[in-house]
């Protein structure tokens, strides 16, 4: 299924799945057009047709390995934040935990000082 519109699609569809499926850099083409640069027609011709799947990013948080790493990371962030604030006073830190799953997918969550 291809979305047809007079704009690039929302989210990251134009930057990830479309180039992987077709070999066409839609984002690069849109930037060239916006800058008034020439866009050779062959830049928009698919070089191949591959299947790609989009998985809801929130699914990653439910994977046991990711969930465990997120929980461990939250504990570490809270503990380290407490140490920093004991040493340097109330820093009003914004705390986050980040877990990478491969090179492209990253899960992150803010960490509050309350129960989380």
Foldseek 3Di string as FASTA:
>chain_A
DDDDDPDDDPDCCQPPVVCVAFVANPVVQVVCVVVVHDDDPVSVHGPHGDDDDDDPLVVQCVDPVNVVQQVVQLVVQLVVVVVCCVVPNCPVDWAKGWDDDPDPRIDMDTHDNDDD
